[in-house]
N, C-alpha and C. Protein backbone atom coordinates (compact mmCIF):
# COMPACT_ATOMS: atom_id res chain seq x y z
N MET A 1 118.83 163.62 119.11
CA MET A 1 117.49 164.03 118.74
C MET A 1 117.45 164.27 117.23
N PHE A 2 116.42 163.76 116.57
CA PHE A 2 116.30 163.90 115.12
C PHE A 2 115.21 164.89 114.78
N PHE A 3 115.48 165.71 113.78
CA PHE A 3 114.50 166.67 113.30
C PHE A 3 114.11 166.30 111.87
N LYS A 4 112.84 166.44 111.58
CA LYS A 4 112.37 166.19 110.23
C LYS A 4 112.89 167.30 109.31
N LYS A 5 113.48 166.89 108.22
CA LYS A 5 113.99 167.86 107.27
C LYS A 5 112.82 168.52 106.55
N SER A 6 112.75 169.82 106.62
CA SER A 6 111.61 170.50 106.00
C SER A 6 111.93 170.89 104.57
N GLY A 7 110.90 170.91 103.76
CA GLY A 7 111.06 171.30 102.36
C GLY A 7 111.13 172.80 102.21
N PRO A 8 111.35 173.26 100.99
CA PRO A 8 111.42 174.71 100.76
C PRO A 8 110.08 175.40 100.99
N ALA A 9 110.16 176.63 101.47
CA ALA A 9 108.97 177.45 101.71
C ALA A 9 108.59 178.23 100.46
N TRP A 10 109.57 178.47 99.59
CA TRP A 10 109.36 179.24 98.37
C TRP A 10 109.93 178.49 97.17
N LEU A 11 109.33 178.72 96.01
CA LEU A 11 109.85 178.23 94.74
C LEU A 11 110.09 179.45 93.87
N ILE A 12 111.31 179.59 93.39
CA ILE A 12 111.65 180.71 92.50
C ILE A 12 112.13 180.11 91.18
N ALA A 13 111.44 180.43 90.09
CA ALA A 13 111.77 179.89 88.78
C ALA A 13 112.14 181.00 87.81
N GLY A 14 113.24 180.83 87.12
CA GLY A 14 113.63 181.73 86.04
C GLY A 14 113.30 181.04 84.73
N LEU A 15 112.49 181.69 83.88
CA LEU A 15 112.05 181.04 82.65
C LEU A 15 112.97 181.35 81.48
N GLY A 16 113.08 180.36 80.59
CA GLY A 16 113.89 180.50 79.39
C GLY A 16 113.87 179.22 78.60
N ASN A 17 114.70 179.16 77.58
CA ASN A 17 114.85 177.96 76.76
C ASN A 17 116.25 177.38 76.97
N PRO A 18 116.35 176.05 77.15
CA PRO A 18 117.66 175.44 77.34
C PRO A 18 118.43 175.36 76.01
N GLY A 19 119.74 175.25 76.12
CA GLY A 19 120.56 175.05 74.94
C GLY A 19 121.35 176.29 74.56
N ILE A 20 122.54 176.03 74.05
CA ILE A 20 123.46 177.12 73.71
C ILE A 20 122.89 178.05 72.64
N GLN A 21 122.04 177.50 71.76
CA GLN A 21 121.48 178.32 70.68
C GLN A 21 120.54 179.40 71.18
N TYR A 22 120.07 179.27 72.44
CA TYR A 22 119.15 180.25 73.00
C TYR A 22 119.80 181.20 74.00
N GLU A 23 121.09 181.02 74.26
CA GLU A 23 121.77 181.91 75.21
C GLU A 23 121.70 183.35 74.73
N ASN A 24 121.48 184.25 75.69
CA ASN A 24 121.41 185.70 75.42
C ASN A 24 120.30 186.10 74.46
N THR A 25 119.25 185.26 74.36
CA THR A 25 118.08 185.68 73.60
C THR A 25 117.10 186.35 74.56
N ARG A 26 116.20 187.12 74.01
CA ARG A 26 115.26 187.90 74.82
C ARG A 26 114.38 187.01 75.71
N HIS A 27 113.99 185.86 75.17
CA HIS A 27 113.14 184.93 75.93
C HIS A 27 113.86 184.36 77.16
N ASN A 28 115.18 184.49 77.22
CA ASN A 28 115.95 183.93 78.32
C ASN A 28 116.29 184.94 79.41
N ALA A 29 115.58 186.06 79.43
CA ALA A 29 115.81 187.06 80.48
C ALA A 29 115.58 186.47 81.87
N GLY A 30 114.64 185.54 81.98
CA GLY A 30 114.40 184.88 83.26
C GLY A 30 115.58 184.05 83.72
N PHE A 31 116.26 183.39 82.78
CA PHE A 31 117.47 182.64 83.10
C PHE A 31 118.57 183.60 83.58
N ILE A 32 118.68 184.76 82.93
CA ILE A 32 119.70 185.74 83.30
C ILE A 32 119.47 186.22 84.73
N ALA A 33 118.22 186.49 85.08
CA ALA A 33 117.89 186.91 86.45
C ALA A 33 118.18 185.78 87.45
N MET A 34 117.87 184.54 87.07
CA MET A 34 118.14 183.41 87.96
C MET A 34 119.63 183.23 88.17
N ASP A 35 120.42 183.44 87.12
CA ASP A 35 121.88 183.36 87.27
C ASP A 35 122.39 184.38 88.28
N ALA A 36 121.81 185.58 88.24
CA ALA A 36 122.21 186.63 89.19
C ALA A 36 121.85 186.23 90.61
N LEU A 37 120.65 185.66 90.79
CA LEU A 37 120.22 185.24 92.13
C LEU A 37 121.09 184.10 92.65
N CYS A 38 121.39 183.14 91.79
CA CYS A 38 122.26 182.02 92.18
C CYS A 38 123.65 182.51 92.56
N SER A 39 124.18 183.44 91.80
CA SER A 39 125.48 184.01 92.10
C SER A 39 125.47 184.69 93.47
N ASP A 40 124.41 185.43 93.74
CA ASP A 40 124.23 186.09 95.04
C ASP A 40 124.19 185.09 96.19
N CYS A 41 123.54 183.95 95.95
CA CYS A 41 123.36 182.93 96.99
C CYS A 41 124.52 181.96 97.07
N GLY A 42 125.42 182.01 96.09
CA GLY A 42 126.55 181.10 96.08
C GLY A 42 126.17 179.66 95.76
N VAL A 43 125.14 179.49 94.92
CA VAL A 43 124.74 178.14 94.52
C VAL A 43 124.81 178.01 93.00
N ALA A 44 124.97 176.78 92.55
CA ALA A 44 124.97 176.47 91.12
C ALA A 44 123.83 175.49 90.85
N LEU A 45 123.11 175.72 89.79
CA LEU A 45 122.00 174.83 89.43
C LEU A 45 122.54 173.73 88.52
N ARG A 46 122.96 172.63 89.12
CA ARG A 46 123.53 171.52 88.35
C ARG A 46 122.69 170.25 88.42
N ARG A 47 121.82 170.17 89.44
CA ARG A 47 121.05 168.95 89.66
C ARG A 47 119.77 168.99 88.83
N LEU A 48 119.54 167.96 88.03
CA LEU A 48 118.33 167.89 87.22
C LEU A 48 117.23 167.21 88.03
N LYS A 49 116.17 167.98 88.32
CA LYS A 49 115.06 167.50 89.12
C LYS A 49 113.81 168.27 88.71
N PHE A 50 112.68 167.61 88.64
CA PHE A 50 111.42 168.25 88.24
C PHE A 50 111.53 168.90 86.85
N HIS A 51 112.18 168.26 85.91
CA HIS A 51 112.36 168.80 84.55
C HIS A 51 113.08 170.15 84.57
N ALA A 52 113.96 170.35 85.55
CA ALA A 52 114.64 171.64 85.70
C ALA A 52 116.00 171.43 86.35
N TYR A 53 116.90 172.39 86.12
CA TYR A 53 118.10 172.45 86.95
C TYR A 53 117.66 173.16 88.22
N ALA A 54 117.86 172.50 89.36
CA ALA A 54 117.31 173.02 90.61
C ALA A 54 118.27 172.83 91.77
N GLU A 55 118.16 173.72 92.74
CA GLU A 55 118.97 173.65 93.96
C GLU A 55 118.26 174.47 95.04
N THR A 56 118.47 174.09 96.29
CA THR A 56 117.90 174.89 97.37
C THR A 56 118.93 175.91 97.86
N ALA A 57 118.42 177.01 98.36
CA ALA A 57 119.26 178.07 98.91
C ALA A 57 118.46 178.79 99.99
N GLU A 58 119.17 179.37 100.94
CA GLU A 58 118.49 180.17 101.95
C GLU A 58 118.50 181.63 101.52
N ILE A 59 117.31 182.20 101.48
CA ILE A 59 117.13 183.60 101.11
C ILE A 59 116.26 184.25 102.16
N ALA A 60 116.74 185.33 102.75
CA ALA A 60 115.98 186.07 103.78
C ALA A 60 115.46 185.12 104.86
N GLY A 61 116.29 184.16 105.24
CA GLY A 61 115.93 183.23 106.31
C GLY A 61 114.94 182.14 105.91
N GLN A 62 114.62 182.07 104.61
CA GLN A 62 113.67 181.07 104.11
C GLN A 62 114.39 180.09 103.19
N LYS A 63 114.03 178.82 103.30
CA LYS A 63 114.56 177.83 102.37
C LYS A 63 113.80 177.95 101.06
N CYS A 64 114.53 178.14 99.97
CA CYS A 64 113.91 178.35 98.65
C CYS A 64 114.44 177.33 97.65
N LEU A 65 113.57 176.87 96.77
CA LEU A 65 113.98 176.04 95.65
C LEU A 65 114.16 176.95 94.45
N LEU A 66 115.37 177.03 93.94
CA LEU A 66 115.67 177.84 92.76
C LEU A 66 115.69 176.91 91.56
N MET A 67 115.06 177.32 90.48
CA MET A 67 115.02 176.42 89.33
C MET A 67 115.00 177.14 87.99
N LYS A 68 115.62 176.45 87.00
CA LYS A 68 115.56 176.85 85.61
C LYS A 68 114.91 175.69 84.85
N PRO A 69 113.64 175.79 84.52
CA PRO A 69 112.99 174.71 83.78
C PRO A 69 113.73 174.40 82.47
N GLN A 70 113.84 173.12 82.15
CA GLN A 70 114.51 172.68 80.93
C GLN A 70 113.50 172.12 79.93
N THR A 71 112.25 172.53 80.05
CA THR A 71 111.15 172.01 79.25
C THR A 71 110.90 172.82 77.99
N TYR A 72 111.66 173.88 77.78
CA TYR A 72 111.38 174.92 76.80
C TYR A 72 110.24 175.78 77.34
N MET A 73 110.26 177.04 76.91
CA MET A 73 109.40 178.06 77.49
C MET A 73 107.93 177.65 77.58
N ASN A 74 107.38 177.15 76.46
CA ASN A 74 105.94 176.90 76.40
C ASN A 74 105.45 175.82 77.36
N ASN A 75 106.37 175.04 77.93
CA ASN A 75 105.99 173.98 78.87
C ASN A 75 106.57 174.21 80.26
N SER A 76 106.86 175.45 80.59
CA SER A 76 107.47 175.79 81.89
C SER A 76 106.64 175.29 83.07
N GLY A 77 105.34 175.24 82.89
CA GLY A 77 104.45 174.81 83.97
C GLY A 77 104.70 173.38 84.43
N GLU A 78 105.23 172.53 83.54
CA GLU A 78 105.51 171.14 83.93
C GLU A 78 106.49 171.12 85.10
N ALA A 79 107.55 171.90 85.01
CA ALA A 79 108.57 171.94 86.06
C ALA A 79 108.04 172.60 87.32
N VAL A 80 107.43 173.77 87.15
CA VAL A 80 106.96 174.54 88.31
C VAL A 80 105.86 173.78 89.05
N ALA A 81 104.89 173.24 88.32
CA ALA A 81 103.78 172.54 88.96
C ALA A 81 104.25 171.26 89.66
N ASP A 82 105.17 170.52 89.02
CA ASP A 82 105.68 169.28 89.64
C ASP A 82 106.37 169.58 90.96
N ALA A 83 107.24 170.60 90.97
CA ALA A 83 107.98 170.94 92.19
C ALA A 83 107.04 171.48 93.26
N ALA A 84 106.13 172.36 92.86
CA ALA A 84 105.18 172.94 93.82
C ALA A 84 104.31 171.86 94.44
N ASP A 85 103.88 170.91 93.62
CA ASP A 85 103.04 169.82 94.11
C ASP A 85 103.83 168.91 95.06
N PHE A 86 105.06 168.59 94.68
CA PHE A 86 105.89 167.70 95.50
C PHE A 86 106.15 168.29 96.89
N TYR A 87 106.47 169.59 96.93
CA TYR A 87 106.81 170.24 98.21
C TYR A 87 105.61 170.93 98.86
N LYS A 88 104.44 170.84 98.24
CA LYS A 88 103.23 171.48 98.77
C LYS A 88 103.43 172.98 98.97
N ILE A 89 103.97 173.61 97.95
CA ILE A 89 104.20 175.07 97.98
C ILE A 89 102.98 175.76 97.38
N ALA A 90 102.38 176.66 98.14
CA ALA A 90 101.19 177.39 97.69
C ALA A 90 101.58 178.36 96.56
N PRO A 91 100.65 178.63 95.64
CA PRO A 91 100.94 179.56 94.55
C PRO A 91 101.48 180.90 95.04
N GLU A 92 100.99 181.38 96.17
CA GLU A 92 101.44 182.68 96.71
C GLU A 92 102.92 182.66 97.11
N HIS A 93 103.51 181.48 97.18
CA HIS A 93 104.93 181.35 97.51
C HIS A 93 105.75 180.89 96.30
N ILE A 94 105.21 181.17 95.13
CA ILE A 94 105.94 180.93 93.88
C ILE A 94 106.27 182.28 93.27
N LEU A 95 107.53 182.46 92.90
CA LEU A 95 108.00 183.68 92.24
C LEU A 95 108.60 183.28 90.90
N VAL A 96 108.16 183.93 89.84
CA VAL A 96 108.62 183.59 88.49
C VAL A 96 109.28 184.80 87.84
N PHE A 97 110.50 184.61 87.34
CA PHE A 97 111.20 185.63 86.55
C PHE A 97 110.89 185.33 85.08
N SER A 98 110.40 186.33 84.34
CA SER A 98 110.13 186.12 82.92
C SER A 98 110.42 187.38 82.12
N ASP A 99 110.55 187.20 80.81
CA ASP A 99 110.75 188.34 79.91
C ASP A 99 109.41 189.03 79.65
N ASP A 100 109.47 190.29 79.24
CA ASP A 100 108.26 191.05 78.93
C ASP A 100 108.55 191.99 77.76
N VAL A 101 107.82 191.79 76.65
CA VAL A 101 108.05 192.60 75.46
C VAL A 101 107.38 193.97 75.54
N SER A 102 106.56 194.20 76.56
CA SER A 102 105.91 195.52 76.67
C SER A 102 106.75 196.50 77.47
N LEU A 103 107.88 196.03 78.02
CA LEU A 103 108.77 196.90 78.81
C LEU A 103 110.07 197.12 78.05
N GLU A 104 110.62 198.31 78.21
CA GLU A 104 111.92 198.62 77.62
C GLU A 104 112.99 197.70 78.22
N PRO A 105 114.04 197.40 77.46
CA PRO A 105 115.10 196.53 77.99
C PRO A 105 115.64 197.04 79.33
N GLY A 106 115.66 196.13 80.31
CA GLY A 106 116.20 196.45 81.62
C GLY A 106 115.18 196.95 82.63
N ARG A 107 113.96 197.28 82.19
CA ARG A 107 112.93 197.72 83.14
C ARG A 107 112.35 196.50 83.84
N LEU A 108 111.91 196.68 85.08
CA LEU A 108 111.30 195.60 85.85
C LEU A 108 109.86 195.94 86.20
N ARG A 109 109.03 194.91 86.32
CA ARG A 109 107.67 195.08 86.82
C ARG A 109 107.31 193.87 87.67
N ILE A 110 106.94 194.13 88.91
CA ILE A 110 106.55 193.06 89.84
C ILE A 110 105.04 193.08 89.99
N ARG A 111 104.43 191.91 89.90
CA ARG A 111 102.98 191.75 90.09
C ARG A 111 102.73 190.61 91.06
N ARG A 112 101.75 190.81 91.95
CA ARG A 112 101.39 189.77 92.92
C ARG A 112 100.74 188.57 92.25
N LYS A 113 99.97 188.84 91.18
CA LYS A 113 99.22 187.81 90.47
C LYS A 113 98.74 188.41 89.17
N GLY A 114 98.05 187.62 88.37
CA GLY A 114 97.49 188.16 87.14
C GLY A 114 97.43 187.13 86.04
N SER A 115 96.98 187.58 84.89
CA SER A 115 96.85 186.69 83.73
C SER A 115 98.22 186.46 83.10
N ALA A 116 98.24 185.62 82.09
CA ALA A 116 99.49 185.32 81.38
C ALA A 116 99.94 186.50 80.52
N GLY A 117 99.01 187.36 80.16
CA GLY A 117 99.37 188.52 79.33
C GLY A 117 100.00 188.15 78.00
N GLY A 118 99.61 187.00 77.44
CA GLY A 118 100.16 186.57 76.16
C GLY A 118 101.48 185.83 76.26
N HIS A 119 102.01 185.65 77.47
CA HIS A 119 103.30 184.97 77.65
C HIS A 119 103.06 183.47 77.83
N ASN A 120 103.58 182.67 76.90
CA ASN A 120 103.30 181.23 76.92
C ASN A 120 103.87 180.49 78.12
N GLY A 121 105.00 180.96 78.64
CA GLY A 121 105.56 180.33 79.84
C GLY A 121 104.66 180.53 81.05
N LEU A 122 104.17 181.77 81.22
CA LEU A 122 103.25 182.06 82.32
C LEU A 122 101.92 181.33 82.12
N LYS A 123 101.48 181.25 80.86
CA LYS A 123 100.24 180.54 80.55
C LYS A 123 100.34 179.07 80.97
N SER A 124 101.47 178.45 80.68
CA SER A 124 101.68 177.04 81.05
C SER A 124 101.66 176.86 82.57
N ILE A 125 102.29 177.79 83.29
CA ILE A 125 102.30 177.71 84.76
C ILE A 125 100.88 177.86 85.32
N ILE A 126 100.13 178.81 84.78
CA ILE A 126 98.75 179.02 85.23
C ILE A 126 97.92 177.76 84.98
N GLU A 127 98.05 177.20 83.78
CA GLU A 127 97.26 176.01 83.43
C GLU A 127 97.59 174.82 84.33
N LEU A 128 98.88 174.59 84.58
CA LEU A 128 99.27 173.37 85.29
C LEU A 128 99.26 173.50 86.81
N THR A 129 99.36 174.73 87.34
CA THR A 129 99.21 174.90 88.79
C THR A 129 97.74 175.16 89.13
N GLY A 130 96.96 175.58 88.14
CA GLY A 130 95.55 175.90 88.37
C GLY A 130 95.35 177.22 89.09
N SER A 131 96.36 178.10 89.01
CA SER A 131 96.25 179.37 89.75
C SER A 131 96.99 180.50 89.03
N GLU A 132 96.44 181.70 89.15
CA GLU A 132 97.10 182.93 88.68
C GLU A 132 97.75 183.66 89.86
N ASN A 133 97.66 183.09 91.05
CA ASN A 133 98.06 183.80 92.27
C ASN A 133 99.53 183.63 92.64
N PHE A 134 100.40 183.59 91.66
CA PHE A 134 101.83 183.55 91.95
C PHE A 134 102.46 184.88 91.58
N VAL A 135 103.54 185.21 92.28
CA VAL A 135 104.23 186.49 92.04
C VAL A 135 105.05 186.37 90.76
N ARG A 136 104.98 187.40 89.94
CA ARG A 136 105.82 187.39 88.75
C ARG A 136 106.64 188.66 88.70
N LEU A 137 107.90 188.50 88.34
CA LEU A 137 108.82 189.62 88.18
C LEU A 137 109.23 189.61 86.70
N LYS A 138 108.74 190.62 86.00
CA LYS A 138 108.94 190.68 84.55
C LYS A 138 110.13 191.58 84.22
N ILE A 139 110.94 191.11 83.28
CA ILE A 139 112.14 191.84 82.87
C ILE A 139 111.93 192.30 81.43
N GLY A 140 112.02 193.61 81.23
CA GLY A 140 111.80 194.17 79.90
C GLY A 140 112.85 193.74 78.90
N VAL A 141 112.37 193.37 77.68
CA VAL A 141 113.28 192.98 76.60
C VAL A 141 113.02 193.80 75.34
N GLY A 142 112.10 194.77 75.44
CA GLY A 142 111.83 195.65 74.31
C GLY A 142 110.71 195.14 73.42
N GLN A 143 110.03 196.08 72.78
CA GLN A 143 108.92 195.74 71.88
C GLN A 143 109.43 195.26 70.53
N LYS A 144 108.63 194.40 69.92
CA LYS A 144 108.95 193.90 68.58
C LYS A 144 108.96 195.06 67.58
N PRO A 145 110.02 195.18 66.81
CA PRO A 145 110.05 196.26 65.80
C PRO A 145 108.98 196.04 64.73
N ALA A 146 108.52 197.12 64.14
CA ALA A 146 107.44 197.06 63.14
C ALA A 146 107.83 196.21 61.93
N TYR A 147 109.12 196.17 61.59
CA TYR A 147 109.54 195.43 60.40
C TYR A 147 109.50 193.90 60.60
N MET A 148 109.34 193.44 61.84
CA MET A 148 109.28 192.00 62.10
C MET A 148 107.82 191.56 62.16
N ASP A 149 107.51 190.49 61.45
CA ASP A 149 106.14 189.99 61.42
C ASP A 149 105.83 189.12 62.63
N ASP A 150 106.78 188.30 63.03
CA ASP A 150 106.52 187.26 64.02
C ASP A 150 107.14 187.60 65.38
N LEU A 151 106.31 187.61 66.42
CA LEU A 151 106.80 187.88 67.78
C LEU A 151 107.82 186.83 68.21
N ALA A 152 107.62 185.57 67.78
CA ALA A 152 108.55 184.50 68.14
C ALA A 152 109.96 184.81 67.64
N ASP A 153 110.05 185.37 66.43
CA ASP A 153 111.38 185.73 65.89
C ASP A 153 112.04 186.78 66.78
N TRP A 154 111.23 187.71 67.30
CA TRP A 154 111.77 188.78 68.15
C TRP A 154 112.28 188.23 69.48
N VAL A 155 111.44 187.44 70.18
CA VAL A 155 111.85 186.96 71.50
C VAL A 155 112.99 185.96 71.42
N LEU A 156 113.19 185.34 70.26
CA LEU A 156 114.31 184.41 70.09
C LEU A 156 115.54 185.09 69.48
N SER A 157 115.44 186.41 69.28
CA SER A 157 116.61 187.16 68.79
C SER A 157 117.52 187.51 69.96
N ARG A 158 118.78 187.77 69.65
CA ARG A 158 119.77 188.06 70.70
C ARG A 158 119.76 189.55 71.05
N PHE A 159 120.15 189.82 72.29
CA PHE A 159 120.30 191.20 72.73
C PHE A 159 121.49 191.85 72.03
N THR A 160 121.39 193.15 71.81
CA THR A 160 122.58 193.91 71.42
C THR A 160 123.48 193.99 72.66
N GLN A 161 124.71 194.39 72.50
CA GLN A 161 125.62 194.51 73.66
C GLN A 161 125.07 195.49 74.69
N ALA A 162 124.52 196.62 74.21
CA ALA A 162 123.97 197.62 75.13
C ALA A 162 122.76 197.07 75.88
N GLU A 163 121.88 196.36 75.16
CA GLU A 163 120.71 195.77 75.80
C GLU A 163 121.11 194.70 76.81
N LYS A 164 122.12 193.92 76.46
CA LYS A 164 122.57 192.83 77.35
C LYS A 164 123.04 193.41 78.69
N LYS A 165 123.76 194.52 78.64
CA LYS A 165 124.20 195.17 79.89
C LYS A 165 123.00 195.62 80.72
N LEU A 166 122.00 196.21 80.07
CA LEU A 166 120.80 196.65 80.77
C LEU A 166 120.06 195.47 81.42
N VAL A 167 119.96 194.36 80.69
CA VAL A 167 119.23 193.20 81.19
C VAL A 167 120.02 192.51 82.31
N GLU A 168 121.34 192.51 82.22
CA GLU A 168 122.15 191.93 83.30
C GLU A 168 122.02 192.77 84.58
N THR A 169 121.97 194.09 84.44
CA THR A 169 121.74 194.96 85.59
C THR A 169 120.34 194.70 86.16
N ALA A 170 119.36 194.53 85.27
CA ALA A 170 118.00 194.21 85.70
C ALA A 170 117.97 192.88 86.44
N GLY A 171 118.78 191.92 85.98
CA GLY A 171 118.87 190.62 86.65
C GLY A 171 119.38 190.76 88.08
N ALA A 172 120.37 191.64 88.27
CA ALA A 172 120.89 191.89 89.62
C ALA A 172 119.82 192.54 90.49
N HIS A 173 119.05 193.46 89.91
CA HIS A 173 117.95 194.09 90.65
C HIS A 173 116.84 193.07 90.96
N ALA A 174 116.60 192.16 90.03
CA ALA A 174 115.61 191.10 90.25
C ALA A 174 116.01 190.24 91.44
N ALA A 175 117.30 189.94 91.55
CA ALA A 175 117.80 189.15 92.68
C ALA A 175 117.56 189.87 94.00
N GLU A 176 117.80 191.19 94.01
CA GLU A 176 117.55 191.98 95.23
C GLU A 176 116.06 192.03 95.54
N ALA A 177 115.24 192.18 94.51
CA ALA A 177 113.79 192.21 94.70
C ALA A 177 113.29 190.88 95.24
N ALA A 178 113.86 189.78 94.75
CA ALA A 178 113.46 188.44 95.22
C ALA A 178 113.68 188.30 96.72
N LYS A 179 114.77 188.84 97.21
CA LYS A 179 115.05 188.76 98.65
C LYS A 179 113.97 189.49 99.45
N LEU A 180 113.55 190.64 98.96
CA LEU A 180 112.49 191.40 99.64
C LEU A 180 111.16 190.65 99.58
N ILE A 181 110.85 190.08 98.41
CA ILE A 181 109.59 189.37 98.24
C ILE A 181 109.52 188.18 99.18
N VAL A 182 110.59 187.40 99.24
CA VAL A 182 110.63 186.22 100.12
C VAL A 182 110.54 186.64 101.59
N ALA A 183 111.07 187.81 101.90
CA ALA A 183 111.02 188.33 103.27
C ALA A 183 109.66 188.93 103.63
N GLY A 184 108.71 188.88 102.69
CA GLY A 184 107.37 189.41 102.96
C GLY A 184 107.26 190.89 102.71
N GLN A 185 108.21 191.47 101.96
CA GLN A 185 108.21 192.91 101.70
C GLN A 185 107.96 193.20 100.22
N ILE A 186 106.91 192.59 99.67
CA ILE A 186 106.63 192.78 98.25
C ILE A 186 106.30 194.22 97.92
N ASP A 187 105.60 194.93 98.82
CA ASP A 187 105.27 196.34 98.55
C ASP A 187 106.55 197.17 98.42
N ARG A 188 107.51 196.91 99.28
CA ARG A 188 108.78 197.63 99.21
C ARG A 188 109.50 197.30 97.90
N ALA A 189 109.49 196.03 97.51
CA ALA A 189 110.12 195.63 96.25
C ALA A 189 109.45 196.33 95.07
N MET A 190 108.12 196.41 95.10
CA MET A 190 107.40 197.09 94.02
C MET A 190 107.72 198.57 93.99
N ASN A 191 107.78 199.20 95.15
CA ASN A 191 108.11 200.63 95.21
C ASN A 191 109.51 200.92 94.69
N LEU A 192 110.45 200.00 94.99
CA LEU A 192 111.83 200.21 94.57
C LEU A 192 112.06 199.92 93.09
N TYR A 193 111.41 198.86 92.57
CA TYR A 193 111.78 198.36 91.26
C TYR A 193 110.74 198.53 90.16
N ASN A 194 109.48 198.83 90.49
CA ASN A 194 108.47 199.10 89.46
C ASN A 194 108.57 200.55 89.01
N THR A 195 109.70 200.90 88.41
CA THR A 195 109.92 202.30 88.01
C THR A 195 109.68 202.51 86.53
């Protein structure tokens, strides 16, 4: 007896910029969280598909597509929209890990939906999926210091060692929150991690 292979029920994307020059920069907090989730699931993102390194994994009994877009931050929507369209994944079943300059390093904030809030990666996803109704898990990277003129310089700057530890811990918490969200327990995830 043959069964039709079903596609993923969820799409989880960690946002960042590809390339060694961007490793451990504030804008790559989404990549850090995705690395934690992949480690938890025992998968490696090595396959290039949908303009992203992508792989499927089972999380909370659901088949999920995990991805790190390789389009650079401002074009993240190309990867997310292509994959969502291909697998017919509704916006409500898309979870995005991204950095947030309004939160202290290591703080998390989960939202069911909303505007881009000035974040170009989220803006690209909203534009290309045509929806604001995707879950976003924001990882704090700290506010731009007053002495810096350009926000881009700040988000492309590297974490201090102390900040990196906080963000890596936040990445582990993001992975735990993702499991709850996929399991349909977003309220519990928000209660636990929106501190």
